Amino acid sequence: MLFDTHVHLNADQFEEDREEVIKRARAAGVKNMVVVGFDRKTIPLALEIAESHPDIYASVGWHPVDAIDMTEEDLKWLEELTEHPKVVALGEMGLDYHWDKSPADVQKDVFRKQIRLARKVGLPIIIHNREATQDIVDILKEEHAEEVGGIMHCFSGSPEIARECVHMNFYISLGGPVTFKNARRPKEVAKEIPLDRLLIETDCPFLAPHPYRGKRNEPAYVKLVAEKIAELKGISLEEVAEKTTRNAKKLFNLDD
């Protein structure tokens, strides 16, 4: 059984056929998923999907691109939602220097507030990083994020940075890019990071793995990610599935 640790089934791209997509995931061996809500629109639907399916969970947080829109009321709302029985993490949160909607100082402030909230409520965090690696690592250290740990979502950094994150009590999550022909770094990370610190994800509807690259991604395709990791490590798909599922359940504090 596979555990897709990062899906956006709450995205508009799944509005017409969400239940069919979930059925295809089940048929592909994907038992568990975490639906990530990251703003006022996506969080309620993430919770609704999780409430409707026993093996699907939710994460709630504030995306760095939209940091400028977050109010103190939103932060209080996130804290209230952490008591929901299906909420297993806070995020996605972090820094994104690719888009310029939210100034860097605002992003950092919102990021720090969410880490502090996670430490207060005792939930792991899901990190979004785009072109901001060193600032993210620095903030995680300064805010003692190792107390709760979490996921470096759709990790694209070097093996050296991956090891540094593992040292800070984070799991490294690999998605579709590990299957891309010219994606050297994710392959190096898959080979070098121990299986007991790896997770798998799709980030659907984005970043579909080969041979679906450029098309809408969906949770069923996480099997292709697991197969590529198995190939790179020279082990069986079953071992990758079993270990990454165990890792996810340990992180999210889920009982078998």
C-alpha atoms as a PDB file:
ATOM      1  CA  MET A   1       0.000   0.000   0.000  1.00  0.00           C
ATOM      2  CA  LEU A   2       1.222   3.488  -0.901  1.00  0.00           C
ATOM      3  CA  PHE A   3       0.880   6.777   1.012  1.00  0.00           C
ATOM      4  CA  ASP A   4       0.731   9.962  -1.091  1.00  0.00           C
ATOM      5  CA  THR A   5       1.775  12.594   1.439  1.00  0.00           C
ATOM      6  CA  HIS A   6       0.892  15.665  -0.640  1.00  0.00           C
ATOM      7  CA  VAL A   7      -2.165  15.998  -2.873  1.00  0.00           C
ATOM      8  CA  HIS A   8      -4.310  18.929  -3.923  1.00  0.00           C
ATOM      9  CA  LEU A   9      -7.547  17.058  -4.591  1.00  0.00           C
ATOM     10  CA  ASN A  10      -9.148  20.326  -3.447  1.00  0.00           C
ATOM     11  CA  ALA A  11      -7.869  22.031  -6.616  1.00  0.00           C
ATOM     12  CA  ASP A  12     -10.256  23.235  -9.313  1.00  0.00           C
ATOM     13  CA  GLN A  13      -8.710  20.716 -11.739  1.00  0.00           C
ATOM     14  CA  PHE A  14     -10.479  17.894  -9.852  1.00  0.00           C
ATOM     15  CA  GLU A  15     -13.872  19.548  -9.530  1.00  0.00           C
ATOM     16  CA  GLU A  16     -15.524  17.380 -12.201  1.00  0.00           C
ATOM     17  CA  ASP A  17     -14.134  13.924 -11.358  1.00  0.00           C
ATOM     18  CA  ARG A  18     -12.689  13.937  -7.823  1.00  0.00           C
ATOM     19  CA  GLU A  19     -14.297  10.670  -6.734  1.00  0.00           C
ATOM     20  CA  GLU A  20     -13.186   8.883  -9.907  1.00  0.00           C
ATOM     21  CA  VAL A  21      -9.631  10.100  -9.281  1.00  0.00           C
ATOM     22  CA  ILE A  22      -9.774   8.692  -5.737  1.00  0.00           C
ATOM     23  CA  LYS A  23     -11.059   5.352  -7.098  1.00  0.00           C
ATOM     24  CA  ARG A  24      -8.167   5.164  -9.579  1.00  0.00           C
ATOM     25  CA  ALA A  25      -5.741   5.844  -6.734  1.00  0.00           C
ATOM     26  CA  ARG A  26      -7.242   3.002  -4.707  1.00  0.00           C
ATOM     27  CA  ALA A  27      -6.953   0.674  -7.712  1.00  0.00           C
ATOM     28  CA  ALA A  28      -3.258   1.603  -8.006  1.00  0.00           C
ATOM     29  CA  GLY A  29      -2.645   0.651  -4.368  1.00  0.00           C
ATOM     30  CA  VAL A  30      -2.742   4.137  -2.860  1.00  0.00           C
ATOM     31  CA  LYS A  31      -4.445   3.690   0.486  1.00  0.00           C
ATOM     32  CA  ASN A  32      -3.618   6.964   2.266  1.00  0.00           C
ATOM     33  CA  MET A  33      -3.339  10.594   1.185  1.00  0.00           C
ATOM     34  CA  VAL A  34      -2.951  13.990   2.800  1.00  0.00           C
ATOM     35  CA  VAL A  35      -4.942  16.783   1.131  1.00  0.00           C
ATOM     36  CA  VAL A  36      -3.119  20.072   1.625  1.00  0.00           C
ATOM     37  CA  GLY A  37      -5.111  23.248   2.270  1.00  0.00           C
ATOM     38  CA  PHE A  38      -3.155  26.487   2.080  1.00  0.00           C
ATOM     39  CA  ASP A  39      -5.588  29.437   2.008  1.00  0.00           C
ATOM     40  CA  ARG A  40      -9.180  30.441   2.803  1.00  0.00           C
ATOM     41  CA  LYS A  41     -10.524  28.675  -0.299  1.00  0.00           C
ATOM     42  CA  THR A  42      -8.629  25.361  -0.222  1.00  0.00           C
ATOM     43  CA  ILE A  43      -8.661  24.586   3.518  1.00  0.00           C
ATOM     44  CA  PRO A  44     -12.439  23.964   3.931  1.00  0.00           C
ATOM     45  CA  LEU A  45     -12.492  21.622   0.921  1.00  0.00           C
ATOM     46  CA  ALA A  46      -9.410  19.739   2.190  1.00  0.00           C
ATOM     47  CA  LEU A  47     -11.275  19.098   5.442  1.00  0.00           C
ATOM     48  CA  GLU A  48     -14.447  18.093   3.613  1.00  0.00           C
ATOM     49  CA  ILE A  49     -12.582  15.526   1.484  1.00  0.00           C
ATOM     50  CA  ALA A  50     -10.778  14.117   4.543  1.00  0.00           C
ATOM     51  CA  GLU A  51     -14.038  13.850   6.485  1.00  0.00           C
ATOM     52  CA  SER A  52     -15.626  11.910   3.602  1.00  0.00           C
ATOM     53  CA  HIS A  53     -12.906   9.228   3.319  1.00  0.00           C
ATOM     54  CA  PRO A  54     -11.534   7.238   6.266  1.00  0.00           C
ATOM     55  CA  ASP A  55      -7.990   6.890   4.857  1.00  0.00           C
ATOM     56  CA  ILE A  56      -7.585  10.491   3.666  1.00  0.00           C
ATOM     57  CA  TYR A  57      -6.255  13.216   5.967  1.00  0.00           C
ATOM     58  CA  ALA A  58      -5.762  16.972   5.785  1.00  0.00           C
ATOM     59  CA  SER A  59      -3.065  19.533   6.387  1.00  0.00           C
ATOM     60  CA  VAL A  60      -3.850  23.204   6.982  1.00  0.00           C
ATOM     61  CA  GLY A  61      -1.509  26.136   6.557  1.00  0.00           C
ATOM     62  CA  TRP A  62      -0.743  29.311   4.652  1.00  0.00           C
ATOM     63  CA  HIS A  63       1.160  29.302   1.376  1.00  0.00           C
ATOM     64  CA  PRO A  64       4.091  31.758   1.174  1.00  0.00           C
ATOM     65  CA  VAL A  65       2.915  33.228  -2.137  1.00  0.00           C
ATOM     66  CA  ASP A  66      -0.242  34.389  -0.344  1.00  0.00           C
ATOM     67  CA  ALA A  67       1.486  35.407   2.912  1.00  0.00           C
ATOM     68  CA  ILE A  68       0.528  39.044   2.374  1.00  0.00           C
ATOM     69  CA  ASP A  69      -3.163  38.065   2.592  1.00  0.00           C
ATOM     70  CA  MET A  70      -2.934  36.281   5.957  1.00  0.00           C
ATOM     71  CA  THR A  71      -4.461  38.059   8.966  1.00  0.00           C
ATOM     72  CA  GLU A  72      -4.238  37.389  12.700  1.00  0.00           C
ATOM     73  CA  GLU A  73      -7.776  35.985  12.437  1.00  0.00           C
ATOM     74  CA  ASP A  74      -6.519  33.484   9.863  1.00  0.00           C
ATOM     75  CA  LEU A  75      -3.767  32.386  12.237  1.00  0.00           C
ATOM     76  CA  LYS A  76      -6.328  31.879  15.011  1.00  0.00           C
ATOM     77  CA  TRP A  77      -8.462  29.908  12.549  1.00  0.00           C
ATOM     78  CA  LEU A  78      -5.516  27.632  11.750  1.00  0.00           C
ATOM     79  CA  GLU A  79      -4.977  27.042  15.463  1.00  0.00           C
ATOM     80  CA  GLU A  80      -8.634  26.084  15.924  1.00  0.00           C
ATOM     81  CA  LEU A  81      -8.440  23.708  12.954  1.00  0.00           C
ATOM     82  CA  THR A  82      -5.480  21.843  14.455  1.00  0.00           C
ATOM     83  CA  GLU A  83      -7.980  20.270  16.871  1.00  0.00           C
ATOM     84  CA  HIS A  84      -9.864  18.662  13.968  1.00  0.00           C
ATOM     85  CA  PRO A  85      -9.421  14.858  14.175  1.00  0.00           C
ATOM     86  CA  LYS A  86      -8.398  14.558  10.506  1.00  0.00           C
ATOM     87  CA  VAL A  87      -5.769  17.343  10.568  1.00  0.00           C
ATOM     88  CA  VAL A  88      -2.347  15.683  10.779  1.00  0.00           C
ATOM     89  CA  ALA A  89       0.040  18.541   9.911  1.00  0.00           C
ATOM     90  CA  LEU A  90       0.447  22.275   9.459  1.00  0.00           C
ATOM     91  CA  GLY A  91       1.338  23.510   5.993  1.00  0.00           C
ATOM     92  CA  GLU A  92       2.204  23.925   3.372  1.00  0.00           C
ATOM     93  CA  MET A  93       4.281  26.841   4.600  1.00  0.00           C
ATOM     94  CA  GLY A  94       7.686  28.238   3.772  1.00  0.00           C
ATOM     95  CA  LEU A  95       9.221  30.696   1.310  1.00  0.00           C
ATOM     96  CA  ASP A  96       8.742  31.242  -2.422  1.00  0.00           C
ATOM     97  CA  TYR A  97      11.024  33.770  -4.110  1.00  0.00           C
ATOM     98  CA  HIS A  98       9.910  32.857  -7.629  1.00  0.00           C
ATOM     99  CA  TRP A  99       6.672  34.833  -7.542  1.00  0.00           C
ATOM    100  CA  ASP A 100       6.652  38.393  -6.228  1.00  0.00           C
ATOM    101  CA  LYS A 101       3.147  38.716  -4.771  1.00  0.00           C
ATOM    102  CA  SER A 102       4.324  38.670  -1.134  1.00  0.00           C
ATOM    103  CA  PRO A 103       7.506  40.485  -0.046  1.00  0.00           C
ATOM    104  CA  ALA A 104      10.217  38.288   1.469  1.00  0.00           C
ATOM    105  CA  ASP A 105       9.973  39.886   4.911  1.00  0.00           C
ATOM    106  CA  VAL A 106       6.207  39.213   5.012  1.00  0.00           C
ATOM    107  CA  GLN A 107       6.760  35.609   3.933  1.00  0.00           C
ATOM    108  CA  LYS A 108       9.361  35.096   6.651  1.00  0.00           C
ATOM    109  CA  ASP A 109       7.081  36.541   9.324  1.00  0.00           C
ATOM    110  CA  VAL A 110       4.160  34.297   8.326  1.00  0.00           C
ATOM    111  CA  PHE A 111       6.495  31.291   8.127  1.00  0.00           C
ATOM    112  CA  ARG A 112       7.857  31.907  11.630  1.00  0.00           C
ATOM    113  CA  LYS A 113       4.352  32.350  13.067  1.00  0.00           C
ATOM    114  CA  GLN A 114       3.253  29.003  11.633  1.00  0.00           C
ATOM    115  CA  ILE A 115       6.328  27.183  12.971  1.00  0.00           C
ATOM    116  CA  ARG A 116       5.619  28.621  16.411  1.00  0.00           C
ATOM    117  CA  LEU A 117       2.000  27.495  16.137  1.00  0.00           C
ATOM    118  CA  ALA A 118       3.133  23.990  15.164  1.00  0.00           C
ATOM    119  CA  ARG A 119       5.393  23.819  18.211  1.00  0.00           C
ATOM    120  CA  LYS A 120       2.524  25.041  20.387  1.00  0.00           C
ATOM    121  CA  VAL A 121       0.068  22.388  19.162  1.00  0.00           C
ATOM    122  CA  GLY A 122       2.602  19.619  18.530  1.00  0.00           C
ATOM    123  CA  LEU A 123       2.037  18.985  14.815  1.00  0.00           C
ATOM    124  CA  PRO A 124       4.653  18.372  12.086  1.00  0.00           C
ATOM    125  CA  ILE A 125       5.061  20.943   9.318  1.00  0.00           C
ATOM    126  CA  ILE A 126       5.091  20.679   5.524  1.00  0.00           C
ATOM    127  CA  ILE A 127       7.676  22.939   3.892  1.00  0.00           C
ATOM    128  CA  HIS A 128       7.281  24.661   0.518  1.00  0.00           C
ATOM    129  CA  ASN A 129      10.603  25.915  -0.848  1.00  0.00           C
ATOM    130  CA  ARG A 130      11.141  27.707  -4.117  1.00  0.00           C
ATOM    131  CA  GLU A 131      14.457  29.456  -4.673  1.00  0.00           C
ATOM    132  CA  ALA A 132      14.818  30.087  -0.926  1.00  0.00           C
ATOM    133  CA  THR A 133      16.773  27.130   0.458  1.00  0.00           C
ATOM    134  CA  GLN A 134      19.265  28.874   2.744  1.00  0.00           C
ATOM    135  CA  ASP A 135      16.675  31.235   4.249  1.00  0.00           C
ATOM    136  CA  ILE A 136      14.376  28.282   4.953  1.00  0.00           C
ATOM    137  CA  VAL A 137      17.121  26.245   6.624  1.00  0.00           C
ATOM    138  CA  ASP A 138      18.134  29.262   8.721  1.00  0.00           C
ATOM    139  CA  ILE A 139      14.565  29.925   9.888  1.00  0.00           C
ATOM    140  CA  LEU A 140      13.930  26.255  10.690  1.00  0.00           C
ATOM    141  CA  LYS A 141      17.014  26.296  12.908  1.00  0.00           C
ATOM    142  CA  GLU A 142      16.239  29.640  14.539  1.00  0.00           C
ATOM    143  CA  GLU A 143      12.652  28.608  15.318  1.00  0.00           C
ATOM    144  CA  HIS A 144      13.655  25.144  16.616  1.00  0.00           C
ATOM    145  CA  ALA A 145      11.468  23.393  14.060  1.00  0.00           C
ATOM    146  CA  GLU A 146      13.272  20.140  14.884  1.00  0.00           C
ATOM    147  CA  GLU A 147      10.962  19.869  17.910  1.00  0.00           C
ATOM    148  CA  VAL A 148       8.075  18.955  15.601  1.00  0.00           C
ATOM    149  CA  GLY A 149       9.882  17.911  12.421  1.00  0.00           C
ATOM    150  CA  GLY A 150       8.036  17.512   9.181  1.00  0.00           C
ATOM    151  CA  ILE A 151       8.420  17.201   5.421  1.00  0.00           C
ATOM    152  CA  MET A 152      10.611  18.921   2.870  1.00  0.00           C
ATOM    153  CA  HIS A 153       7.873  18.758   0.241  1.00  0.00           C
ATOM    154  CA  CYS A 154       8.803  17.967  -3.371  1.00  0.00           C
ATOM    155  CA  PHE A 155      12.466  18.281  -2.479  1.00  0.00           C
ATOM    156  CA  SER A 156      14.671  19.635  -5.274  1.00  0.00           C
ATOM    157  CA  GLY A 157      17.856  20.496  -3.395  1.00  0.00           C
ATOM    158  CA  SER A 158      21.220  18.785  -3.154  1.00  0.00           C
ATOM    159  CA  PRO A 159      21.994  15.642  -1.147  1.00  0.00           C
ATOM    160  CA  GLU A 160      24.004  17.846   1.224  1.00  0.00           C
ATOM    161  CA  ILE A 161      20.982  20.040   1.985  1.00  0.00           C
ATOM    162  CA  ALA A 162      18.814  16.917   2.268  1.00  0.00           C
ATOM    163  CA  ARG A 163      21.162  15.498   4.910  1.00  0.00           C
ATOM    164  CA  GLU A 164      21.068  18.802   6.788  1.00  0.00           C
ATOM    165  CA  CYS A 165      17.261  18.673   6.799  1.00  0.00           C
ATOM    166  CA  VAL A 166      17.253  15.058   7.972  1.00  0.00           C
ATOM    167  CA  HIS A 167      19.541  16.146  10.825  1.00  0.00           C
ATOM    168  CA  MET A 168      16.814  18.679  11.739  1.00  0.00           C
ATOM    169  CA  ASN A 169      14.214  15.886  12.072  1.00  0.00           C
ATOM    170  CA  PHE A 170      12.697  16.302   8.593  1.00  0.00           C
ATOM    171  CA  TYR A 171      11.719  13.713   6.032  1.00  0.00           C
ATOM    172  CA  ILE A 172      12.635  14.221   2.381  1.00  0.00           C
ATOM    173  CA  SER A 173       9.645  13.835   0.062  1.00  0.00           C
ATOM    174  CA  LEU A 174      10.174  13.040  -3.606  1.00  0.00           C
ATOM    175  CA  GLY A 175       7.606  13.473  -6.362  1.00  0.00           C
ATOM    176  CA  GLY A 176       7.319  13.372 -10.138  1.00  0.00           C
ATOM    177  CA  PRO A 177      10.645  15.109 -10.883  1.00  0.00           C
ATOM    178  CA  VAL A 178      12.591  12.037  -9.676  1.00  0.00           C
ATOM    179  CA  THR A 179      11.272  10.303 -12.827  1.00  0.00           C
ATOM    180  CA  PHE A 180      12.295  13.119 -15.205  1.00  0.00           C
ATOM    181  CA  LYS A 181      15.111  12.181 -17.574  1.00  0.00           C
ATOM    182  CA  ASN A 182      17.294  15.218 -16.861  1.00  0.00           C
ATOM    183  CA  ALA A 183      16.485  15.675 -13.148  1.00  0.00           C
ATOM    184  CA  ARG A 184      19.880  14.770 -11.673  1.00  0.00           C
ATOM    185  CA  ARG A 185      19.468  16.076  -8.113  1.00  0.00           C
ATOM    186  CA  PRO A 186      16.295  14.209  -7.072  1.00  0.00           C
ATOM    187  CA  LYS A 187      17.890  10.984  -8.331  1.00  0.00           C
ATOM    188  CA  GLU A 188      21.036  11.642  -6.282  1.00  0.00           C
ATOM    189  CA  VAL A 189      18.892  12.334  -3.210  1.00  0.00           C
ATOM    190  CA  ALA A 190      16.874   9.149  -3.774  1.00  0.00           C
ATOM    191  CA  LYS A 191      20.092   7.131  -3.886  1.00  0.00           C
ATOM    192  CA  GLU A 192      21.861   8.777  -0.950  1.00  0.00           C
ATOM    193  CA  ILE A 193      19.157   9.476   1.654  1.00  0.00           C
ATOM    194  CA  PRO A 194      18.229   6.409   3.749  1.00  0.00           C
ATOM    195  CA  LEU A 195      14.830   4.921   3.001  1.00  0.00           C
ATOM    196  CA  ASP A 196      13.735   5.502   6.597  1.00  0.00           C
ATOM    197  CA  ARG A 197      13.860   9.286   5.926  1.00  0.00           C
ATOM    198  CA  LEU A 198      12.089   9.287   2.544  1.00  0.00           C
ATOM    199  CA  LEU A 199       8.451   9.935   1.666  1.00  0.00           C
ATOM    200  CA  ILE A 200       6.625   9.910  -1.669  1.00  0.00           C
ATOM    201  CA  GLU A 201       4.100  12.350  -3.085  1.00  0.00           C
ATOM    202  CA  THR A 202       2.484  13.575  -6.282  1.00  0.00           C
ATOM    203  CA  ASP A 203       1.703  17.252  -5.513  1.00  0.00           C
ATOM    204  CA  CYS A 204      -1.173  16.594  -7.926  1.00  0.00           C
ATOM    205  CA  PRO A 205      -2.475  18.154 -10.129  1.00  0.00           C
ATOM    206  CA  PHE A 206       1.072  19.476 -10.657  1.00  0.00           C
ATOM    207  CA  LEU A 207       4.394  17.802 -11.606  1.00  0.00           C
ATOM    208  CA  ALA A 208       3.080  14.597 -13.169  1.00  0.00           C
ATOM    209  CA  PRO A 209       5.764  11.910 -13.430  1.00  0.00           C
ATOM    210  CA  HIS A 210       7.036  10.443 -16.682  1.00  0.00           C
ATOM    211  CA  PRO A 211       5.318   9.347 -18.967  1.00  0.00           C
ATOM    212  CA  TYR A 212       2.512  11.756 -17.996  1.00  0.00           C
ATOM    213  CA  ARG A 213       4.724  14.848 -17.707  1.00  0.00           C
ATOM    214  CA  GLY A 214       2.823  17.964 -18.753  1.00  0.00           C
ATOM    215  CA  LYS A 215      -0.567  16.368 -18.109  1.00  0.00           C
ATOM    216  CA  ARG A 216      -2.761  16.589 -14.992  1.00  0.00           C
ATOM    217  CA  ASN A 217      -1.147  14.649 -12.184  1.00  0.00           C
ATOM    218  CA  GLU A 218      -3.208  12.427  -9.876  1.00  0.00           C
ATOM    219  CA  PRO A 219      -2.550  10.263  -6.785  1.00  0.00           C
ATOM    220  CA  ALA A 220      -2.507   6.973  -8.720  1.00  0.00           C
ATOM    221  CA  TYR A 221       0.748   8.128 -10.323  1.00  0.00           C
ATOM    222  CA  VAL A 222       2.605   8.098  -6.995  1.00  0.00           C
ATOM    223  CA  LYS A 223       3.305   4.441  -7.789  1.00  0.00           C
ATOM    224  CA  LEU A 224       5.600   5.634 -10.612  1.00  0.00           C
ATOM    225  CA  VAL A 225       7.565   7.704  -8.075  1.00  0.00           C
ATOM    226  CA  ALA A 226       7.918   4.684  -5.776  1.00  0.00           C
ATOM    227  CA  GLU A 227       9.002   2.492  -8.707  1.00  0.00           C
ATOM    228  CA  LYS A 228      11.727   4.963  -9.699  1.00  0.00           C
ATOM    229  CA  ILE A 229      13.058   5.151  -6.123  1.00  0.00           C
ATOM    230  CA  ALA A 230      13.100   1.350  -5.966  1.00  0.00           C
ATOM    231  CA  GLU A 231      15.044   1.233  -9.238  1.00  0.00           C
ATOM    232  CA  LEU A 232      17.561   3.857  -8.081  1.00  0.00           C
ATOM    233  CA  LYS A 233      18.118   2.111  -4.751  1.00  0.00           C
ATOM    234  CA  GLY A 234      18.179  -1.385  -6.244  1.00  0.00           C
ATOM    235  CA  ILE A 235      15.383  -2.646  -3.987  1.00  0.00           C
ATOM    236  CA  SER A 236      11.805  -3.835  -4.500  1.00  0.00           C
ATOM    237  CA  LEU A 237       8.769  -1.640  -5.008  1.00  0.00           C
ATOM    238  CA  GLU A 238       7.200  -3.465  -2.056  1.00  0.00           C
ATOM    239  CA  GLU A 239      10.007  -2.357   0.258  1.00  0.00           C
ATOM    240  CA  VAL A 240       9.720   1.273  -0.857  1.00  0.00           C
ATOM    241  CA  ALA A 241       5.932   1.172  -0.401  1.00  0.00           C
ATOM    242  CA  GLU A 242       6.119  -0.449   3.019  1.00  0.00           C
ATOM    243  CA  LYS A 243       8.890   1.783   4.407  1.00  0.00           C
ATOM    244  CA  THR A 244       7.576   5.108   3.060  1.00  0.00           C
ATOM    245  CA  THR A 245       4.078   4.294   4.323  1.00  0.00           C
ATOM    246  CA  ARG A 246       5.499   3.442   7.728  1.00  0.00           C
ATOM    247  CA  ASN A 247       7.480   6.714   7.717  1.00  0.00           C
ATOM    248  CA  ALA A 248       4.365   8.745   6.895  1.00  0.00           C
ATOM    249  CA  LYS A 249       2.273   7.063   9.588  1.00  0.00           C
ATOM    250  CA  LYS A 250       5.004   7.657  12.153  1.00  0.00           C
ATOM    251  CA  LEU A 251       5.325  11.328  11.205  1.00  0.00           C
ATOM    252  CA  PHE A 252       1.576  11.971  11.168  1.00  0.00           C
ATOM    253  CA  ASN A 253       1.038   9.928  14.335  1.00  0.00           C
ATOM    254  CA  LEU A 254      -1.403   7.532  12.679  1.00  0.00           C
ATOM    255  CA  ASP A 255      -2.106   4.072  14.033  1.00  0.00           C
ATOM    256  CA  ASP A 256      -2.212   1.112  11.667  1.00  0.00           C
END
